Amino acid sequence: MNGELAKRLLGLGTIGAMAAALSTGLAAAPAPKPVAGVIIDVKGSPTLKAAADGKTLKLKLQQFIYEGDVIKTGTAERAAMAFVGGAEMRINESSEFQVESGGGAKPTSVYTKAGQAWTRLLHGKSGMNLRSPLAVAAVRGTEADVDVDDRMSVKVYEGLVDVQNEYGSQSLRAGMMTEVAGAGQAPGAPRAMDPNEYGAWQNQLDPKDIAGQLKRLASEADKSRSINLKFKGKDGTEKSLDIKLKKK
């Protein structure tokens, strides 16, 4: 038996041992959250509440963010991030966003009850969903602004955005906007934006070396791969185990 084959068999034996342990009722440790993005610019002292341990820390440049993390900005604070799926998002002051998905196999997704974000897609394959209690803005073009409080406004600077909820949907192209007036309301009919309705707050952020940060992010995301192992427990029921395989 050569050395490489022995290593493979040893690995399979380890996986089998883990499955056997679970079948006897031992609980597995919770899987780490997938990396979702990286911080590419910060103004002021925004905070991040980590999904992994619930701790709230000051947001830092080049910091990785993970699915479930919550980013919060106060007065005169802003933050910009790039996601695994190729979307960029800039968060305005007095906002709070939870990262749901960094993208890749599925669109990047974030959620807010109150906040404003400017987004752009860094390549044609990416997409981004900005969700709120009022509606979902699905960004499929290049550049858009979404502002949520008691109302929700969506402005499209370039490309296309679909805005929808259970009461209706609207498709917007560049130079148009729509509003959801409140809970239980459908998105309003799209209209052309006035020149003074184009936002400029996002220009106060100026990320550097986005390509380099995306490369770092891709490398970090590639460190973890998982396999799903299915087996039967002692009670005869089928069980499932996600095993993270770490690259060295």
Protein backbone atom coordinates (compact mmCIF):
# COMPACT_ATOMS: atom_id res chain seq x y z
CA MET A 1 0.00 0.00 0.00
CA ASN A 2 1.57 3.29 -1.03
CA GLY A 3 1.69 6.36 1.22
CA GLU A 4 -0.91 8.38 -0.69
CA LEU A 5 -3.46 5.56 -0.56
CA ALA A 6 -2.84 5.14 3.15
CA LYS A 7 -3.55 8.83 3.71
CA ARG A 8 -6.83 8.59 1.81
CA LEU A 9 -7.95 5.54 3.75
CA LEU A 10 -7.01 7.24 7.00
CA GLY A 11 -9.14 10.24 5.98
CA LEU A 12 -12.11 8.02 5.18
CA GLY A 13 -11.65 6.26 8.48
CA THR A 14 -11.75 9.59 10.30
CA ILE A 15 -14.99 10.57 8.55
CA GLY A 16 -16.50 7.19 9.39
CA ALA A 17 -15.52 7.62 13.02
CA MET A 18 -17.23 11.01 13.11
CA ALA A 19 -20.41 9.51 11.68
CA ALA A 20 -20.31 6.71 14.21
CA ALA A 21 -19.88 9.19 17.04
CA LEU A 22 -22.91 11.13 15.89
CA SER A 23 -24.98 7.96 15.63
CA THR A 24 -24.39 7.37 19.35
CA GLY A 25 -25.89 10.76 20.17
CA LEU A 26 -22.79 12.96 20.44
CA ALA A 27 -23.47 16.50 19.19
CA ALA A 28 -21.29 18.02 16.50
CA ALA A 29 -19.83 21.50 16.94
CA PRO A 30 -21.69 24.17 14.95
CA ALA A 31 -20.25 24.74 11.48
CA PRO A 32 -18.47 28.07 10.99
CA LYS A 33 -20.32 30.74 9.02
CA PRO A 34 -19.19 31.12 5.39
CA VAL A 35 -17.11 34.19 4.60
CA ALA A 36 -19.29 36.66 2.68
CA GLY A 37 -17.25 39.76 1.98
CA VAL A 38 -14.43 42.13 2.90
CA ILE A 39 -14.46 45.73 4.13
CA ILE A 40 -12.90 48.02 1.51
CA ASP A 41 -13.45 51.46 3.09
CA VAL A 42 -14.58 52.90 6.43
CA LYS A 43 -15.51 56.42 7.57
CA GLY A 44 -15.93 57.05 11.29
CA SER A 45 -16.40 54.10 13.65
CA PRO A 46 -19.07 51.71 12.33
CA THR A 47 -19.54 48.47 14.26
CA LEU A 48 -19.94 44.81 13.40
CA LYS A 49 -21.94 42.33 15.47
CA ALA A 50 -20.48 38.93 14.70
CA ALA A 51 -22.87 36.07 14.01
CA ALA A 52 -20.34 33.59 15.36
CA ASP A 53 -20.24 34.82 18.98
CA GLY A 54 -22.56 37.84 19.21
CA LYS A 55 -19.70 40.22 20.04
CA THR A 56 -19.84 43.81 18.78
CA LEU A 57 -16.55 45.24 17.55
CA LYS A 58 -15.33 48.29 15.68
CA LEU A 59 -15.32 47.68 11.94
CA LYS A 60 -11.86 47.67 10.37
CA LEU A 61 -10.52 48.12 6.87
CA GLN A 62 -9.75 44.80 5.10
CA GLN A 63 -11.77 42.87 7.72
CA PHE A 64 -13.61 39.80 6.47
CA ILE A 65 -17.34 39.62 7.14
CA TYR A 66 -19.39 36.46 7.44
CA GLU A 67 -22.96 35.40 6.74
CA GLY A 68 -25.17 36.56 9.60
CA ASP A 69 -22.93 39.47 10.62
CA VAL A 70 -24.66 42.81 11.26
CA ILE A 71 -23.03 46.10 10.25
CA LYS A 72 -24.21 49.31 11.90
CA THR A 73 -23.30 52.94 11.17
CA GLY A 74 -23.99 55.99 13.32
CA THR A 75 -24.14 59.69 12.46
CA ALA A 76 -21.49 60.64 9.86
CA GLU A 77 -20.30 57.02 9.66
CA ARG A 78 -20.15 54.98 6.47
CA ALA A 79 -18.73 51.69 5.26
CA ALA A 80 -18.06 49.93 1.96
CA MET A 81 -17.66 46.23 1.29
CA ALA A 82 -17.13 43.82 -1.60
CA PHE A 83 -18.83 40.43 -1.64
CA VAL A 84 -17.75 36.98 -2.78
CA GLY A 85 -20.30 37.08 -5.60
CA GLY A 86 -18.82 40.25 -7.12
CA ALA A 87 -21.14 42.95 -5.75
CA GLU A 88 -20.04 46.12 -3.97
CA MET A 89 -22.19 47.83 -1.33
CA ARG A 90 -21.71 51.18 0.39
CA ILE A 91 -23.71 51.87 3.55
CA ASN A 92 -24.79 55.39 4.49
CA GLU A 93 -24.90 56.83 7.99
CA SER A 94 -27.52 55.73 10.55
CA SER A 95 -28.02 52.35 8.89
CA GLU A 96 -28.06 48.70 9.94
CA PHE A 97 -27.66 45.79 7.53
CA GLN A 98 -27.45 42.05 8.12
CA VAL A 99 -25.44 40.03 5.62
CA GLU A 100 -27.48 37.00 4.54
CA SER A 101 -25.36 35.69 1.67
CA GLY A 102 -22.10 36.72 0.09
CA GLY A 103 -23.19 35.41 -3.28
CA GLY A 104 -21.49 32.98 -5.61
CA ALA A 105 -23.85 30.02 -5.98
CA LYS A 106 -26.77 32.35 -5.23
CA PRO A 107 -27.22 36.16 -5.36
CA THR A 108 -25.66 38.31 -2.67
CA SER A 109 -28.36 39.17 -0.12
CA VAL A 110 -28.63 41.68 2.73
CA TYR A 111 -31.51 42.68 5.01
CA THR A 112 -32.41 45.98 6.66
CA LYS A 113 -35.27 47.48 8.62
CA ALA A 114 -33.73 50.96 8.46
CA GLY A 115 -30.82 51.97 6.28
CA GLN A 116 -29.53 53.26 2.98
CA ALA A 117 -27.19 51.45 0.62
CA TRP A 118 -25.65 52.16 -2.75
CA THR A 119 -24.73 49.11 -4.77
CA ARG A 120 -22.94 48.29 -7.95
CA LEU A 121 -22.12 45.01 -9.60
CA LEU A 122 -18.43 44.53 -10.33
CA HIS A 123 -19.00 41.98 -13.09
CA GLY A 124 -21.88 40.86 -15.26
CA LYS A 125 -22.41 37.51 -13.52
CA SER A 126 -23.18 38.96 -10.09
CA GLY A 127 -26.57 39.89 -8.65
CA MET A 128 -27.75 41.35 -5.38
CA ASN A 129 -30.97 41.32 -3.34
CA LEU A 130 -31.64 44.06 -0.80
CA ARG A 131 -34.47 42.90 1.44
CA SER A 132 -36.62 44.87 3.86
CA PRO A 133 -39.98 44.31 5.58
CA LEU A 134 -41.57 46.34 2.76
CA ALA A 135 -40.13 44.77 -0.41
CA VAL A 136 -37.15 43.18 -2.11
CA ALA A 137 -34.98 45.10 -4.57
CA ALA A 138 -33.26 42.67 -6.94
CA VAL A 139 -30.34 44.49 -8.55
CA ARG A 140 -29.52 42.94 -11.92
CA GLY A 141 -27.88 45.94 -13.52
CA THR A 142 -24.94 48.04 -12.47
CA GLU A 143 -25.73 50.81 -9.97
CA ALA A 144 -28.65 51.51 -7.62
CA ASP A 145 -29.60 53.23 -4.34
CA VAL A 146 -32.03 51.74 -1.81
CA ASP A 147 -33.30 53.70 1.21
CA VAL A 148 -35.52 52.08 3.88
CA ASP A 149 -37.34 53.52 6.90
CA ASP A 150 -41.13 53.75 7.16
CA ARG A 151 -41.05 53.87 3.36
CA MET A 152 -38.73 52.30 0.81
CA SER A 153 -37.30 54.13 -2.18
CA VAL A 154 -35.31 52.52 -4.98
CA LYS A 155 -33.33 54.57 -7.50
CA VAL A 156 -31.58 53.11 -10.53
CA TYR A 157 -28.54 54.95 -11.87
CA GLU A 158 -27.41 52.27 -14.32
CA GLY A 159 -28.80 48.91 -15.38
CA LEU A 160 -32.01 47.23 -14.17
CA VAL A 161 -33.68 46.61 -10.80
CA ASP A 162 -36.84 44.63 -9.99
CA VAL A 163 -38.78 45.71 -6.88
CA GLN A 164 -41.40 43.31 -5.57
CA ASN A 165 -43.48 42.24 -2.60
CA GLU A 166 -46.65 40.18 -2.15
CA TYR A 167 -48.77 43.09 -3.40
CA GLY A 168 -47.04 43.74 -6.72
CA SER A 169 -43.82 44.28 -8.62
CA GLN A 170 -42.14 46.90 -10.78
CA SER A 171 -39.15 46.78 -13.12
CA LEU A 172 -36.95 49.86 -13.28
CA ARG A 173 -34.32 50.92 -15.77
CA ALA A 174 -31.63 53.58 -15.50
CA GLY A 175 -32.87 57.04 -14.50
CA MET A 176 -36.04 55.74 -12.82
CA MET A 177 -37.22 55.29 -9.24
CA THR A 178 -40.10 53.79 -7.29
CA GLU A 179 -41.38 53.97 -3.73
CA VAL A 180 -43.20 51.59 -1.42
CA ALA A 181 -45.34 53.94 0.66
CA GLY A 182 -45.60 51.62 3.66
CA ALA A 183 -46.52 48.19 4.95
CA GLY A 184 -49.20 46.49 2.87
CA GLN A 185 -48.51 48.67 -0.17
CA ALA A 186 -47.36 47.61 -3.63
CA PRO A 187 -44.34 49.32 -5.23
CA GLY A 188 -45.49 52.49 -6.96
CA ALA A 189 -45.35 53.03 -10.71
CA PRO A 190 -41.80 53.88 -11.85
CA ARG A 191 -41.10 57.50 -12.67
CA ALA A 192 -38.15 59.47 -14.02
CA MET A 193 -35.88 60.95 -11.37
CA ASP A 194 -35.40 64.68 -11.09
CA PRO A 195 -31.76 65.86 -11.25
CA ASN A 196 -31.82 66.75 -7.54
CA GLU A 197 -32.91 63.20 -6.62
CA TYR A 198 -29.62 61.64 -7.64
CA GLY A 199 -27.66 60.82 -4.49
CA ALA A 200 -24.01 61.74 -3.93
CA TRP A 201 -23.38 60.50 -0.38
CA GLN A 202 -21.73 57.33 -1.72
CA ASN A 203 -18.93 59.43 -3.21
CA GLN A 204 -17.69 60.19 0.31
CA LEU A 205 -16.35 56.64 0.30
CA ASP A 206 -13.36 55.93 -1.91
CA PRO A 207 -12.29 52.27 -1.81
CA LYS A 208 -8.77 51.46 -2.99
CA ASP A 209 -7.47 48.31 -4.68
CA ILE A 210 -10.86 46.61 -4.96
CA ALA A 211 -9.38 43.98 -7.28
CA GLY A 212 -6.73 43.12 -4.71
CA GLN A 213 -9.27 42.85 -1.92
CA LEU A 214 -11.49 40.61 -4.05
CA LYS A 215 -8.48 38.37 -4.64
CA ARG A 216 -7.89 38.15 -0.86
CA LEU A 217 -11.56 37.40 -0.36
CA ALA A 218 -11.60 34.65 -2.99
CA SER A 219 -8.56 33.06 -1.38
CA GLU A 220 -10.22 33.12 2.05
CA ALA A 221 -13.46 31.68 0.67
CA ASP A 222 -11.52 28.93 -1.10
CA LYS A 223 -9.90 27.75 2.14
CA SER A 224 -13.06 25.97 3.20
CA ARG A 225 -14.82 23.32 1.21
CA SER A 226 -17.39 20.93 2.61
CA ILE A 227 -18.83 17.50 1.92
CA ASN A 228 -22.21 16.29 3.07
CA LEU A 229 -22.19 12.83 4.65
CA LYS A 230 -25.49 10.95 5.07
CA PHE A 231 -25.80 7.97 7.40
CA LYS A 232 -28.30 6.16 9.61
CA GLY A 233 -28.31 6.60 13.35
CA LYS A 234 -28.89 3.88 15.92
CA ASP A 235 -32.59 4.67 15.85
CA GLY A 236 -32.69 3.98 12.10
CA THR A 237 -33.36 7.58 11.07
CA GLU A 238 -31.25 9.18 8.35
CA LYS A 239 -28.82 11.82 9.56
CA SER A 240 -26.65 14.33 7.75
CA LEU A 241 -23.25 15.77 8.59
CA ASP A 242 -21.49 18.68 6.87
CA ILE A 243 -17.73 18.25 7.14
CA LYS A 244 -15.45 21.20 6.44
CA LEU A 245 -12.30 20.35 4.51
CA LYS A 246 -9.59 22.92 5.13
CA LYS A 247 -6.88 23.68 2.62
CA LYS A 248 -3.40 24.06 4.07
